[in-house]
């Protein structure tokens, strides 16, 4: 399960950016073509965040749909999963969305 190590890295990055302040919310963008399972990241988050500045933080995950550009016809197509052909029949597709794994936002408690 590589989601555990991904979640550890996310928590470490956010904790470092928070500089000791309490993190209330983290928003991630996870593309449907990224190979990362949002449910597994959500499952790991509370466990990994325990004892850090993210302990008790709410995790929000935005899933990004896959999209690709076809090299044969130039069209842009929805790509629910890798390996799908374009409507023209071509498999020469270049993904343009859906491979993301971004920390989009974090809400940090202001220092007293």
C-alpha atoms as a PDB file:
ATOM      1  CA  UNK A   1       0.000   0.000   0.000  1.00  0.00           C
ATOM      2  CA  UNK A   2       1.963   3.012  -1.241  1.00  0.00           C
ATOM      3  CA  UNK A   3      -0.796   5.328   0.020  1.00  0.00           C
ATOM      4  CA  UNK A   4       0.644   4.997   3.538  1.00  0.00           C
ATOM      5  CA  UNK A   5       4.004   6.445   2.480  1.00  0.00           C
ATOM      6  CA  UNK A   6       2.261   9.102   0.373  1.00  0.00           C
ATOM      7  CA  UNK A   7       0.151  10.098   3.373  1.00  0.00           C
ATOM      8  CA  UNK A   8       3.246  10.246   5.583  1.00  0.00           C
ATOM      9  CA  UNK A   9       4.870  12.610   3.072  1.00  0.00           C
ATOM     10  CA  UNK A  10       1.761  14.805   2.880  1.00  0.00           C
ATOM     11  CA  UNK A  11       1.606  15.081   6.684  1.00  0.00           C
ATOM     12  CA  UNK A  12       5.330  15.903   6.855  1.00  0.00           C
ATOM     13  CA  UNK A  13       5.048  18.607   4.171  1.00  0.00           C
ATOM     14  CA  UNK A  14       2.025  20.243   5.790  1.00  0.00           C
ATOM     15  CA  UNK A  15       3.511  20.018   9.310  1.00  0.00           C
ATOM     16  CA  UNK A  16       6.710  21.688   8.104  1.00  0.00           C
ATOM     17  CA  UNK A  17       4.734  24.472   6.406  1.00  0.00           C
ATOM     18  CA  UNK A  18       2.640  24.980   9.561  1.00  0.00           C
ATOM     19  CA  UNK A  19       5.808  25.664  11.608  1.00  0.00           C
ATOM     20  CA  UNK A  20       4.399  24.280  14.850  1.00  0.00           C
ATOM     21  CA  UNK A  21       0.940  25.813  14.494  1.00  0.00           C
ATOM     22  CA  UNK A  22      -2.133  23.577  14.638  1.00  0.00           C
ATOM     23  CA  UNK A  23      -3.539  22.497  11.277  1.00  0.00           C
ATOM     24  CA  UNK A  24      -7.344  22.384  11.133  1.00  0.00           C
ATOM     25  CA  UNK A  25      -7.949  21.275   7.541  1.00  0.00           C
ATOM     26  CA  UNK A  26      -6.015  19.882   4.593  1.00  0.00           C
ATOM     27  CA  UNK A  27      -7.395  19.790   1.054  1.00  0.00           C
ATOM     28  CA  UNK A  28      -5.842  17.391  -1.457  1.00  0.00           C
ATOM     29  CA  UNK A  29      -6.386  17.011  -5.183  1.00  0.00           C
ATOM     30  CA  UNK A  30      -6.045  13.418  -6.335  1.00  0.00           C
ATOM     31  CA  UNK A  31      -6.390  12.596 -10.013  1.00  0.00           C
ATOM     32  CA  UNK A  32      -8.326   9.505 -11.000  1.00  0.00           C
ATOM     33  CA  UNK A  33      -5.394   8.467 -13.221  1.00  0.00           C
ATOM     34  CA  UNK A  34      -2.745   8.998 -10.525  1.00  0.00           C
ATOM     35  CA  UNK A  35      -2.831   5.448  -9.210  1.00  0.00           C
ATOM     36  CA  UNK A  36      -3.509   6.799  -5.712  1.00  0.00           C
ATOM     37  CA  UNK A  37      -6.635   5.552  -3.963  1.00  0.00           C
ATOM     38  CA  UNK A  38      -8.356   8.465  -2.172  1.00  0.00           C
ATOM     39  CA  UNK A  39     -10.094   6.129   0.279  1.00  0.00           C
ATOM     40  CA  UNK A  40      -6.785   4.600   1.325  1.00  0.00           C
ATOM     41  CA  UNK A  41      -5.231   8.057   1.873  1.00  0.00           C
ATOM     42  CA  UNK A  42      -8.263   9.056   3.958  1.00  0.00           C
ATOM     43  CA  UNK A  43      -7.964   5.839   5.976  1.00  0.00           C
ATOM     44  CA  UNK A  44      -4.268   6.449   6.696  1.00  0.00           C
ATOM     45  CA  UNK A  45      -4.549  10.181   7.399  1.00  0.00           C
ATOM     46  CA  UNK A  46      -5.798  10.148  11.005  1.00  0.00           C
ATOM     47  CA  UNK A  47      -3.327   7.446  11.995  1.00  0.00           C
ATOM     48  CA  UNK A  48      -0.343   9.216  10.423  1.00  0.00           C
ATOM     49  CA  UNK A  49      -1.422  12.658  11.719  1.00  0.00           C
ATOM     50  CA  UNK A  50      -1.601  11.480  15.342  1.00  0.00           C
ATOM     51  CA  UNK A  51       0.989  13.240  17.475  1.00  0.00           C
ATOM     52  CA  UNK A  52       1.691  15.911  14.824  1.00  0.00           C
ATOM     53  CA  UNK A  53       0.429  19.445  14.191  1.00  0.00           C
ATOM     54  CA  UNK A  54      -2.227  17.790  12.000  1.00  0.00           C
ATOM     55  CA  UNK A  55      -3.747  15.725  14.820  1.00  0.00           C
ATOM     56  CA  UNK A  56      -7.526  16.174  14.567  1.00  0.00           C
ATOM     57  CA  UNK A  57      -7.347  17.992  11.223  1.00  0.00           C
ATOM     58  CA  UNK A  58     -10.128  17.425   8.704  1.00  0.00           C
ATOM     59  CA  UNK A  59      -9.034  15.943   5.379  1.00  0.00           C
ATOM     60  CA  UNK A  60     -10.874  16.971   2.226  1.00  0.00           C
ATOM     61  CA  UNK A  61     -10.148  15.191  -1.040  1.00  0.00           C
ATOM     62  CA  UNK A  62     -11.074  16.577  -4.447  1.00  0.00           C
ATOM     63  CA  UNK A  63     -10.957  13.939  -7.174  1.00  0.00           C
ATOM     64  CA  UNK A  64      -9.863  15.182 -10.599  1.00  0.00           C
ATOM     65  CA  UNK A  65     -11.360  13.439 -13.636  1.00  0.00           C
ATOM     66  CA  UNK A  66      -9.050  12.108 -16.315  1.00  0.00           C
ATOM     67  CA  UNK A  67      -8.832  13.964 -19.619  1.00  0.00           C
ATOM     68  CA  UNK A  68      -6.571  13.438 -22.612  1.00  0.00           C
ATOM     69  CA  UNK A  69      -5.741  14.916 -25.999  1.00  0.00           C
ATOM     70  CA  UNK A  70      -5.789  12.583 -28.989  1.00  0.00           C
ATOM     71  CA  UNK A  71      -2.737  12.758 -31.245  1.00  0.00           C
ATOM     72  CA  UNK A  72      -4.710  11.360 -34.179  1.00  0.00           C
ATOM     73  CA  UNK A  73      -7.748  13.669 -34.293  1.00  0.00           C
ATOM     74  CA  UNK A  74      -6.652  16.449 -31.917  1.00  0.00           C
ATOM     75  CA  UNK A  75      -9.766  16.080 -29.811  1.00  0.00           C
ATOM     76  CA  UNK A  76      -9.962  16.289 -26.050  1.00  0.00           C
ATOM     77  CA  UNK A  77     -11.628  13.281 -24.460  1.00  0.00           C
ATOM     78  CA  UNK A  78     -12.744  12.112 -21.041  1.00  0.00           C
ATOM     79  CA  UNK A  79     -10.413   9.386 -19.824  1.00  0.00           C
ATOM     80  CA  UNK A  80     -11.994   7.386 -17.008  1.00  0.00           C
ATOM     81  CA  UNK A  81      -8.959   5.084 -16.897  1.00  0.00           C
ATOM     82  CA  UNK A  82      -5.699   4.630 -18.752  1.00  0.00           C
ATOM     83  CA  UNK A  83      -5.813   2.475 -21.870  1.00  0.00           C
ATOM     84  CA  UNK A  84      -9.162   3.726 -23.113  1.00  0.00           C
ATOM     85  CA  UNK A  85      -9.296   4.740 -26.812  1.00  0.00           C
ATOM     86  CA  UNK A  86     -10.488   8.035 -28.249  1.00  0.00           C
ATOM     87  CA  UNK A  87     -13.878   8.097 -29.979  1.00  0.00           C
ATOM     88  CA  UNK A  88     -11.916   8.054 -33.277  1.00  0.00           C
ATOM     89  CA  UNK A  89     -10.427   4.690 -32.244  1.00  0.00           C
ATOM     90  CA  UNK A  90      -6.887   5.906 -31.612  1.00  0.00           C
ATOM     91  CA  UNK A  91      -4.969   4.922 -28.494  1.00  0.00           C
ATOM     92  CA  UNK A  92      -2.424   7.730 -28.995  1.00  0.00           C
ATOM     93  CA  UNK A  93      -3.641   9.816 -26.076  1.00  0.00           C
ATOM     94  CA  UNK A  94      -1.686  12.260 -23.969  1.00  0.00           C
ATOM     95  CA  UNK A  95      -3.162  12.765 -20.497  1.00  0.00           C
ATOM     96  CA  UNK A  96      -3.793  16.436 -19.688  1.00  0.00           C
ATOM     97  CA  UNK A  97      -5.680  16.033 -16.387  1.00  0.00           C
ATOM     98  CA  UNK A  98      -6.229  13.346 -13.801  1.00  0.00           C
ATOM     99  CA  UNK A  99      -2.640  12.515 -12.816  1.00  0.00           C
ATOM    100  CA  UNK A 100      -2.481  15.164 -10.081  1.00  0.00           C
ATOM    101  CA  UNK A 101      -1.552  14.630  -6.466  1.00  0.00           C
ATOM    102  CA  UNK A 102      -1.489  18.112  -4.927  1.00  0.00           C
ATOM    103  CA  UNK A 103      -1.830  19.673  -1.535  1.00  0.00           C
ATOM    104  CA  UNK A 104      -4.304  22.333  -2.639  1.00  0.00           C
ATOM    105  CA  UNK A 105      -4.886  24.115   0.667  1.00  0.00           C
ATOM    106  CA  UNK A 106      -4.434  23.957   4.402  1.00  0.00           C
ATOM    107  CA  UNK A 107      -6.157  25.813   7.184  1.00  0.00           C
ATOM    108  CA  UNK A 108      -3.850  26.712  10.054  1.00  0.00           C
ATOM    109  CA  UNK A 109      -4.836  28.023  13.460  1.00  0.00           C
ATOM    110  CA  UNK A 110      -3.482  31.473  14.102  1.00  0.00           C
ATOM    111  CA  UNK A 111      -0.919  31.728  16.889  1.00  0.00           C
ATOM    112  CA  UNK A 112      -2.310  33.251  20.103  1.00  0.00           C
END
